Amino acid sequence: MEKGKIRADIEDLIARIKGSANFEIVSLGMEQMQLLKQETAIAEMHDRMIVCEALLHHAELITRDAKIGQAGIIKTVW
């Protein structure tokens, strides 16, 4: 949103996520950090952290990031 690539109301987005049974907000943890060294197909550290967290939760990742999708590490939606 800050880069102008998408338009959204952040307060509305937060409220909708909190009220949805389809989303779970989690903290980044030690298990996720330990996976970082294994998942080297994604160079950008923050993207890799997100992917590792999704792996630990056996979750699909909602992203349009082509590099994450092309890495083939996790199923992506969008």
PDB file of N, CA and C in Angstrom:
ATOM      1  N   MET A   1       0.821  -1.179   0.000  1.00  0.00           N
ATOM      2  CA  MET A   1       0.000   0.000   0.000  1.00  0.00           C
ATOM      3  C   MET A   1       0.870   1.249   0.000  1.00  0.00           C
ATOM      4  N   GLU A   2       1.918   1.235   0.783  1.00  0.00           N
ATOM      5  CA  GLU A   2       2.780   2.409   0.862  1.00  0.00           C
ATOM      6  C   GLU A   2       3.492   2.685  -0.450  1.00  0.00           C
ATOM      7  N   LYS A   3       3.770   1.648  -1.209  1.00  0.00           N
ATOM      8  CA  LYS A   3       4.435   1.813  -2.502  1.00  0.00           C
ATOM      9  C   LYS A   3       3.445   2.177  -3.602  1.00  0.00           C
ATOM     10  N   GLY A   4       2.153   2.175  -3.277  1.00  0.00           N
ATOM     11  CA  GLY A   4       1.139   2.518  -4.256  1.00  0.00           C
ATOM     12  C   GLY A   4       0.773   1.394  -5.199  1.00  0.00           C
ATOM     13  N   LYS A   5       1.214   0.185  -4.901  1.00  0.00           N
ATOM     14  CA  LYS A   5       0.923  -0.950  -5.776  1.00  0.00           C
ATOM     15  C   LYS A   5      -0.497  -1.477  -5.567  1.00  0.00           C
ATOM     16  N   ILE A   6      -1.017  -1.339  -4.367  1.00  0.00           N
ATOM     17  CA  ILE A   6      -2.385  -1.768  -4.072  1.00  0.00           C
ATOM     18  C   ILE A   6      -3.078  -0.691  -3.257  1.00  0.00           C
ATOM     19  N   ARG A   7      -4.404  -0.683  -3.321  1.00  0.00           N
ATOM     20  CA  ARG A   7      -5.182   0.262  -2.546  1.00  0.00           C
ATOM     21  C   ARG A   7      -6.009  -0.533  -1.541  1.00  0.00           C
ATOM     22  N   ALA A   8      -5.923  -0.142  -0.278  1.00  0.00           N
ATOM     23  CA  ALA A   8      -6.683  -0.833   0.760  1.00  0.00           C
ATOM     24  C   ALA A   8      -6.785   0.052   1.989  1.00  0.00           C
ATOM     25  N   ASP A   9      -7.800  -0.190   2.773  1.00  0.00           N
ATOM     26  CA  ASP A   9      -7.982   0.497   4.053  1.00  0.00           C
ATOM     27  C   ASP A   9      -7.409  -0.435   5.122  1.00  0.00           C
ATOM     28  N   ILE A  10      -6.269  -0.079   5.707  1.00  0.00           N
ATOM     29  CA  ILE A  10      -5.573  -0.974   6.641  1.00  0.00           C
ATOM     30  C   ILE A  10      -6.422  -1.291   7.868  1.00  0.00           C
ATOM     31  N   GLU A  11      -7.166  -0.319   8.367  1.00  0.00           N
ATOM     32  CA  GLU A  11      -8.013  -0.575   9.537  1.00  0.00           C
ATOM     33  C   GLU A  11      -9.109  -1.581   9.203  1.00  0.00           C
ATOM     34  N   ASP A  12      -9.695  -1.455   8.029  1.00  0.00           N
ATOM     35  CA  ASP A  12     -10.709  -2.411   7.593  1.00  0.00           C
ATOM     36  C   ASP A  12     -10.097  -3.791   7.413  1.00  0.00           C
ATOM     37  N   LEU A  13      -8.914  -3.845   6.824  1.00  0.00           N
ATOM     38  CA  LEU A  13      -8.223  -5.116   6.624  1.00  0.00           C
ATOM     39  C   LEU A  13      -7.946  -5.812   7.953  1.00  0.00           C
ATOM     40  N   ILE A  14      -7.437  -5.069   8.917  1.00  0.00           N
ATOM     41  CA  ILE A  14      -7.152  -5.634  10.247  1.00  0.00           C
ATOM     42  C   ILE A  14      -8.429  -6.159  10.888  1.00  0.00           C
ATOM     43  N   ALA A  15      -9.496  -5.382  10.824  1.00  0.00           N
ATOM     44  CA  ALA A  15     -10.772  -5.804  11.417  1.00  0.00           C
ATOM     45  C   ALA A  15     -11.296  -7.074  10.752  1.00  0.00           C
ATOM     46  N   ARG A  16     -11.169  -7.157   9.438  1.00  0.00           N
ATOM     47  CA  ARG A  16     -11.661  -8.337   8.730  1.00  0.00           C
ATOM     48  C   ARG A  16     -10.838  -9.573   9.063  1.00  0.00           C
ATOM     49  N   ILE A  17      -9.529  -9.418   9.196  1.00  0.00           N
ATOM     50  CA  ILE A  17      -8.673 -10.553   9.559  1.00  0.00           C
ATOM     51  C   ILE A  17      -9.001 -11.023  10.974  1.00  0.00           C
ATOM     52  N   LYS A  18      -9.141 -10.094  11.902  1.00  0.00           N
ATOM     53  CA  LYS A  18      -9.479 -10.459  13.287  1.00  0.00           C
ATOM     54  C   LYS A  18     -10.809 -11.194  13.367  1.00  0.00           C
ATOM     55  N   GLY A  19     -11.750 -10.819  12.537  1.00  0.00           N
ATOM     56  CA  GLY A  19     -13.078 -11.421  12.578  1.00  0.00           C
ATOM     57  C   GLY A  19     -13.228 -12.679  11.745  1.00  0.00           C
ATOM     58  N   SER A  20     -12.178 -13.108  11.083  1.00  0.00           N
ATOM     59  CA  SER A  20     -12.255 -14.255  10.194  1.00  0.00           C
ATOM     60  C   SER A  20     -11.719 -15.522  10.852  1.00  0.00           C
ATOM     61  N   ALA A  21     -12.389 -16.623  10.602  1.00  0.00           N
ATOM     62  CA  ALA A  21     -11.908 -17.917  11.090  1.00  0.00           C
ATOM     63  C   ALA A  21     -10.855 -18.501  10.146  1.00  0.00           C
ATOM     64  N   ASN A  22     -10.634 -17.865   8.993  1.00  0.00           N
ATOM     65  CA  ASN A  22      -9.708 -18.384   7.982  1.00  0.00           C
ATOM     66  C   ASN A  22      -8.278 -17.914   8.166  1.00  0.00           C
ATOM     67  N   PHE A  23      -8.037 -17.005   9.081  1.00  0.00           N
ATOM     68  CA  PHE A  23      -6.700 -16.457   9.287  1.00  0.00           C
ATOM     69  C   PHE A  23      -6.249 -16.703  10.714  1.00  0.00           C
ATOM     70  N   GLU A  24      -4.963 -16.899  10.865  1.00  0.00           N
ATOM     71  CA  GLU A  24      -4.374 -17.009  12.192  1.00  0.00           C
ATOM     72  C   GLU A  24      -3.133 -16.122  12.201  1.00  0.00           C
ATOM     73  N   ILE A  25      -3.071 -15.205  13.150  1.00  0.00           N
ATOM     74  CA  ILE A  25      -1.918 -14.330  13.278  1.00  0.00           C
ATOM     75  C   ILE A  25      -0.957 -15.013  14.260  1.00  0.00           C
ATOM     76  N   VAL A  26       0.292 -15.168  13.839  1.00  0.00           N
ATOM     77  CA  VAL A  26       1.286 -15.849  14.673  1.00  0.00           C
ATOM     78  C   VAL A  26       2.538 -14.990  14.805  1.00  0.00           C
ATOM     79  N   SER A  27       3.253 -15.207  15.873  1.00  0.00           N
ATOM     80  CA  SER A  27       4.535 -14.531  16.062  1.00  0.00           C
ATOM     81  C   SER A  27       5.632 -15.348  15.383  1.00  0.00           C
ATOM     82  N   LEU A  28       6.637 -14.665  14.894  1.00  0.00           N
ATOM     83  CA  LEU A  28       7.780 -15.370  14.326  1.00  0.00           C
ATOM     84  C   LEU A  28       8.587 -15.956  15.468  1.00  0.00           C
ATOM     85  N   GLY A  29       8.953 -17.229  15.348  1.00  0.00           N
ATOM     86  CA  GLY A  29       9.603 -17.906  16.464  1.00  0.00           C
ATOM     87  C   GLY A  29      10.891 -18.613  16.109  1.00  0.00           C
ATOM     88  N   MET A  30      11.450 -19.286  17.104  1.00  0.00           N
ATOM     89  CA  MET A  30      12.734 -19.965  16.961  1.00  0.00           C
ATOM     90  C   MET A  30      12.692 -21.083  15.923  1.00  0.00           C
ATOM     91  N   GLU A  31      11.611 -21.867  15.893  1.00  0.00           N
ATOM     92  CA  GLU A  31      11.513 -22.955  14.903  1.00  0.00           C
ATOM     93  C   GLU A  31      11.606 -22.392  13.486  1.00  0.00           C
ATOM     94  N   GLN A  32      10.932 -21.284  13.263  1.00  0.00           N
ATOM     95  CA  GLN A  32      10.948 -20.652  11.959  1.00  0.00           C
ATOM     96  C   GLN A  32      12.360 -20.186  11.614  1.00  0.00           C
ATOM     97  N   MET A  33      13.060 -19.625  12.576  1.00  0.00           N
ATOM     98  CA  MET A  33      14.416 -19.147  12.344  1.00  0.00           C
ATOM     99  C   MET A  33      15.357 -20.301  11.996  1.00  0.00           C
ATOM    100  N   GLN A  34      15.122 -21.471  12.586  1.00  0.00           N
ATOM    101  CA  GLN A  34      15.968 -22.618  12.289  1.00  0.00           C
ATOM    102  C   GLN A  34      15.762 -23.123  10.859  1.00  0.00           C
ATOM    103  N   LEU A  35      14.578 -22.920  10.298  1.00  0.00           N
ATOM    104  CA  LEU A  35      14.313 -23.326   8.914  1.00  0.00           C
ATOM    105  C   LEU A  35      14.971 -22.390   7.905  1.00  0.00           C
ATOM    106  N   LEU A  36      15.296 -21.175   8.323  1.00  0.00           N
ATOM    107  CA  LEU A  36      15.852 -20.186   7.397  1.00  0.00           C
ATOM    108  C   LEU A  36      17.066 -20.700   6.634  1.00  0.00           C
ATOM    109  N   LYS A  37      17.927 -21.427   7.328  1.00  0.00           N
ATOM    110  CA  LYS A  37      19.155 -21.894   6.676  1.00  0.00           C
ATOM    111  C   LYS A  37      18.900 -22.992   5.651  1.00  0.00           C
ATOM    112  N   GLN A  38      17.738 -23.648   5.724  1.00  0.00           N
ATOM    113  CA  GLN A  38      17.416 -24.722   4.788  1.00  0.00           C
ATOM    114  C   GLN A  38      16.741 -24.205   3.518  1.00  0.00           C
ATOM    115  N   GLU A  39      15.948 -23.180   3.634  1.00  0.00           N
ATOM    116  CA  GLU A  39      15.134 -22.697   2.513  1.00  0.00           C
ATOM    117  C   GLU A  39      15.839 -21.571   1.771  1.00  0.00           C
ATOM    118  N   THR A  40      16.930 -21.876   1.141  1.00  0.00           N
ATOM    119  CA  THR A  40      17.765 -20.864   0.489  1.00  0.00           C
ATOM    120  C   THR A  40      17.310 -20.481  -0.918  1.00  0.00           C
ATOM    121  N   ALA A  41      16.263 -21.119  -1.425  1.00  0.00           N
ATOM    122  CA  ALA A  41      15.769 -20.787  -2.760  1.00  0.00           C
ATOM    123  C   ALA A  41      15.181 -19.377  -2.806  1.00  0.00           C
ATOM    124  N   ILE A  42      14.855 -18.834  -1.666  1.00  0.00           N
ATOM    125  CA  ILE A  42      14.341 -17.468  -1.582  1.00  0.00           C
ATOM    126  C   ILE A  42      15.417 -16.611  -0.939  1.00  0.00           C
ATOM    127  N   ALA A  43      15.961 -15.679  -1.705  1.00  0.00           N
ATOM    128  CA  ALA A  43      17.097 -14.892  -1.238  1.00  0.00           C
ATOM    129  C   ALA A  43      16.704 -13.819  -0.220  1.00  0.00           C
ATOM    130  N   GLU A  44      15.553 -13.189  -0.398  1.00  0.00           N
ATOM    131  CA  GLU A  44      15.172 -12.076   0.462  1.00  0.00           C
ATOM    132  C   GLU A  44      14.793 -12.608   1.847  1.00  0.00           C
ATOM    133  N   MET A  45      15.493 -12.153   2.874  1.00  0.00           N
ATOM    134  CA  MET A  45      15.352 -12.691   4.224  1.00  0.00           C
ATOM    135  C   MET A  45      13.920 -12.612   4.755  1.00  0.00           C
ATOM    136  N   HIS A  46      13.252 -11.484   4.585  1.00  0.00           N
ATOM    137  CA  HIS A  46      11.907 -11.335   5.140  1.00  0.00           C
ATOM    138  C   HIS A  46      10.912 -12.252   4.435  1.00  0.00           C
ATOM    139  N   ASP A  47      11.052 -12.403   3.124  1.00  0.00           N
ATOM    140  CA  ASP A  47      10.195 -13.344   2.399  1.00  0.00           C
ATOM    141  C   ASP A  47      10.442 -14.763   2.881  1.00  0.00           C
ATOM    142  N   ARG A  48      11.696 -15.104   3.097  1.00  0.00           N
ATOM    143  CA  ARG A  48      12.046 -16.440   3.572  1.00  0.00           C
ATOM    144  C   ARG A  48      11.457 -16.690   4.961  1.00  0.00           C
ATOM    145  N   MET A  49      11.479 -15.682   5.818  1.00  0.00           N
ATOM    146  CA  MET A  49      10.910 -15.820   7.161  1.00  0.00           C
ATOM    147  C   MET A  49       9.411 -16.108   7.089  1.00  0.00           C
ATOM    148  N   ILE A  50       8.725 -15.404   6.214  1.00  0.00           N
ATOM    149  CA  ILE A  50       7.287 -15.620   6.046  1.00  0.00           C
ATOM    150  C   ILE A  50       7.010 -17.024   5.526  1.00  0.00           C
ATOM    151  N   VAL A  51       7.779 -17.463   4.547  1.00  0.00           N
ATOM    152  CA  VAL A  51       7.608 -18.805   3.987  1.00  0.00           C
ATOM    153  C   VAL A  51       7.874 -19.868   5.052  1.00  0.00           C
ATOM    154  N   CYS A  52       8.918 -19.706   5.829  1.00  0.00           N
ATOM    155  CA  CYS A  52       9.235 -20.687   6.877  1.00  0.00           C
ATOM    156  C   CYS A  52       8.125 -20.767   7.915  1.00  0.00           C
ATOM    157  N   GLU A  53       7.559 -19.648   8.283  1.00  0.00           N
ATOM    158  CA  GLU A  53       6.456 -19.661   9.244  1.00  0.00           C
ATOM    159  C   GLU A  53       5.252 -20.396   8.659  1.00  0.00           C
ATOM    160  N   ALA A  54       4.948 -20.143   7.400  1.00  0.00           N
ATOM    161  CA  ALA A  54       3.833 -20.845   6.753  1.00  0.00           C
ATOM    162  C   ALA A  54       4.095 -22.346   6.679  1.00  0.00           C
ATOM    163  N   LEU A  55       5.332 -22.732   6.411  1.00  0.00           N
ATOM    164  CA  LEU A  55       5.679 -24.160   6.388  1.00  0.00           C
ATOM    165  C   LEU A  55       5.413 -24.825   7.730  1.00  0.00           C
ATOM    166  N   LEU A  56       5.810 -24.160   8.790  1.00  0.00           N
ATOM    167  CA  LEU A  56       5.614 -24.724  10.130  1.00  0.00           C
ATOM    168  C   LEU A  56       4.138 -24.902  10.477  1.00  0.00           C
ATOM    169  N   HIS A  57       3.302 -24.073   9.900  1.00  0.00           N
ATOM    170  CA  HIS A  57       1.868 -24.144  10.189  1.00  0.00           C
ATOM    171  C   HIS A  57       1.093 -24.904   9.115  1.00  0.00           C
ATOM    172  N   HIS A  58       1.836 -25.495   8.151  1.00  0.00           N
ATOM    173  CA  HIS A  58       1.206 -26.243   7.058  1.00  0.00           C
ATOM    174  C   HIS A  58       0.131 -25.391   6.397  1.00  0.00           C
ATOM    175  N   ALA A  59       0.472 -24.128   6.145  1.00  0.00           N
ATOM    176  CA  ALA A  59      -0.483 -23.163   5.604  1.00  0.00           C
ATOM    177  C   ALA A  59      -0.136 -22.796   4.171  1.00  0.00           C
ATOM    178  N   GLU A  60      -1.150 -22.409   3.423  1.00  0.00           N
ATOM    179  CA  GLU A  60      -0.931 -21.822   2.114  1.00  0.00           C
ATOM    180  C   GLU A  60      -0.625 -20.350   2.338  1.00  0.00           C
ATOM    181  N   LEU A  61       0.146 -19.781   1.454  1.00  0.00           N
ATOM    182  CA  LEU A  61       0.568 -18.397   1.614  1.00  0.00           C
ATOM    183  C   LEU A  61      -0.132 -17.523   0.584  1.00  0.00           C
ATOM    184  N   ILE A  62      -0.767 -16.464   1.052  1.00  0.00           N
ATOM    185  CA  ILE A  62      -1.416 -15.515   0.155  1.00  0.00           C
ATOM    186  C   ILE A  62      -0.373 -14.486  -0.251  1.00  0.00           C
ATOM    187  N   THR A  63       0.046 -14.543  -1.517  1.00  0.00           N
ATOM    188  CA  THR A  63       1.058 -13.618  -2.012  1.00  0.00           C
ATOM    189  C   THR A  63       1.024 -13.548  -3.524  1.00  0.00           C
ATOM    190  N   ARG A  64       1.449 -12.417  -4.035  1.00  0.00           N
ATOM    191  CA  ARG A  64       1.643 -12.269  -5.480  1.00  0.00           C
ATOM    192  C   ARG A  64       3.127 -12.259  -5.818  1.00  0.00           C
ATOM    193  N   ASP A  65       3.956 -12.501  -4.836  1.00  0.00           N
ATOM    194  CA  ASP A  65       5.404 -12.457  -5.028  1.00  0.00           C
ATOM    195  C   ASP A  65       5.829 -13.618  -5.929  1.00  0.00           C
ATOM    196  N   ALA A  66       6.258 -13.292  -7.127  1.00  0.00           N
ATOM    197  CA  ALA A  66       6.611 -14.320  -8.112  1.00  0.00           C
ATOM    198  C   ALA A  66       7.780 -15.182  -7.649  1.00  0.00           C
ATOM    199  N   LYS A  67       8.740 -14.596  -6.955  1.00  0.00           N
ATOM    200  CA  LYS A  67       9.903 -15.364  -6.505  1.00  0.00           C
ATOM    201  C   LYS A  67       9.513 -16.430  -5.490  1.00  0.00           C
ATOM    202  N   ILE A  68       8.561 -16.108  -4.631  1.00  0.00           N
ATOM    203  CA  ILE A  68       8.097 -17.100  -3.658  1.00  0.00           C
ATOM    204  C   ILE A  68       7.384 -18.232  -4.388  1.00  0.00           C
ATOM    205  N   GLY A  69       6.505 -17.901  -5.317  1.00  0.00           N
ATOM    206  CA  GLY A  69       5.790 -18.915  -6.080  1.00  0.00           C
ATOM    207  C   GLY A  69       6.714 -19.787  -6.909  1.00  0.00           C
ATOM    208  N   GLN A  70       7.698 -19.174  -7.543  1.00  0.00           N
ATOM    209  CA  GLN A  70       8.628 -19.907  -8.402  1.00  0.00           C
ATOM    210  C   GLN A  70       9.565 -20.808  -7.608  1.00  0.00           C
ATOM    211  N   ALA A  71       9.802 -20.487  -6.342  1.00  0.00           N
ATOM    212  CA  ALA A  71      10.695 -21.320  -5.523  1.00  0.00           C
ATOM    213  C   ALA A  71      10.120 -22.715  -5.310  1.00  0.00           C
ATOM    214  N   GLY A  72       8.788 -22.838  -5.356  1.00  0.00           N
ATOM    215  CA  GLY A  72       8.152 -24.140  -5.223  1.00  0.00           C
ATOM    216  C   GLY A  72       8.237 -24.753  -3.839  1.00  0.00           C
ATOM    217  N   ILE A  73       8.508 -23.939  -2.853  1.00  0.00           N
ATOM    218  CA  ILE A  73       8.652 -24.432  -1.484  1.00  0.00           C
ATOM    219  C   ILE A  73       7.295 -24.626  -0.820  1.00  0.00           C
ATOM    220  N   ILE A  74       6.371 -23.727  -1.127  1.00  0.00           N
ATOM    221  CA  ILE A  74       5.073 -23.723  -0.461  1.00  0.00           C
ATOM    222  C   ILE A  74       3.986 -23.374  -1.459  1.00  0.00           C
ATOM    223  N   LYS A  75       2.785 -23.865  -1.212  1.00  0.00           N
ATOM    224  CA  LYS A  75       1.661 -23.533  -2.087  1.00  0.00           C
ATOM    225  C   LYS A  75       1.251 -22.086  -1.835  1.00  0.00           C
ATOM    226  N   THR A  76       1.070 -21.360  -2.932  1.00  0.00           N
ATOM    227  CA  THR A  76       0.668 -19.961  -2.806  1.00  0.00           C
ATOM    228  C   THR A  76      -0.695 -19.746  -3.433  1.00  0.00           C
ATOM    229  N   VAL A  77      -1.400 -18.749  -2.920  1.00  0.00           N
ATOM    230  CA  VAL A  77      -2.708 -18.368  -3.418  1.00  0.00           C
ATOM    231  C   VAL A  77      -2.584 -16.963  -3.965  1.00  0.00           C
ATOM    232  N   TRP A  78      -3.106 -16.761  -5.172  1.00  0.00           N
ATOM    233  CA  TRP A  78      -3.120 -15.511  -5.921  1.00  0.00           C
ATOM    234  C   TRP A  78      -2.262 -15.727  -7.079  1.00  0.00           C
TER     235      TRP A  78
END
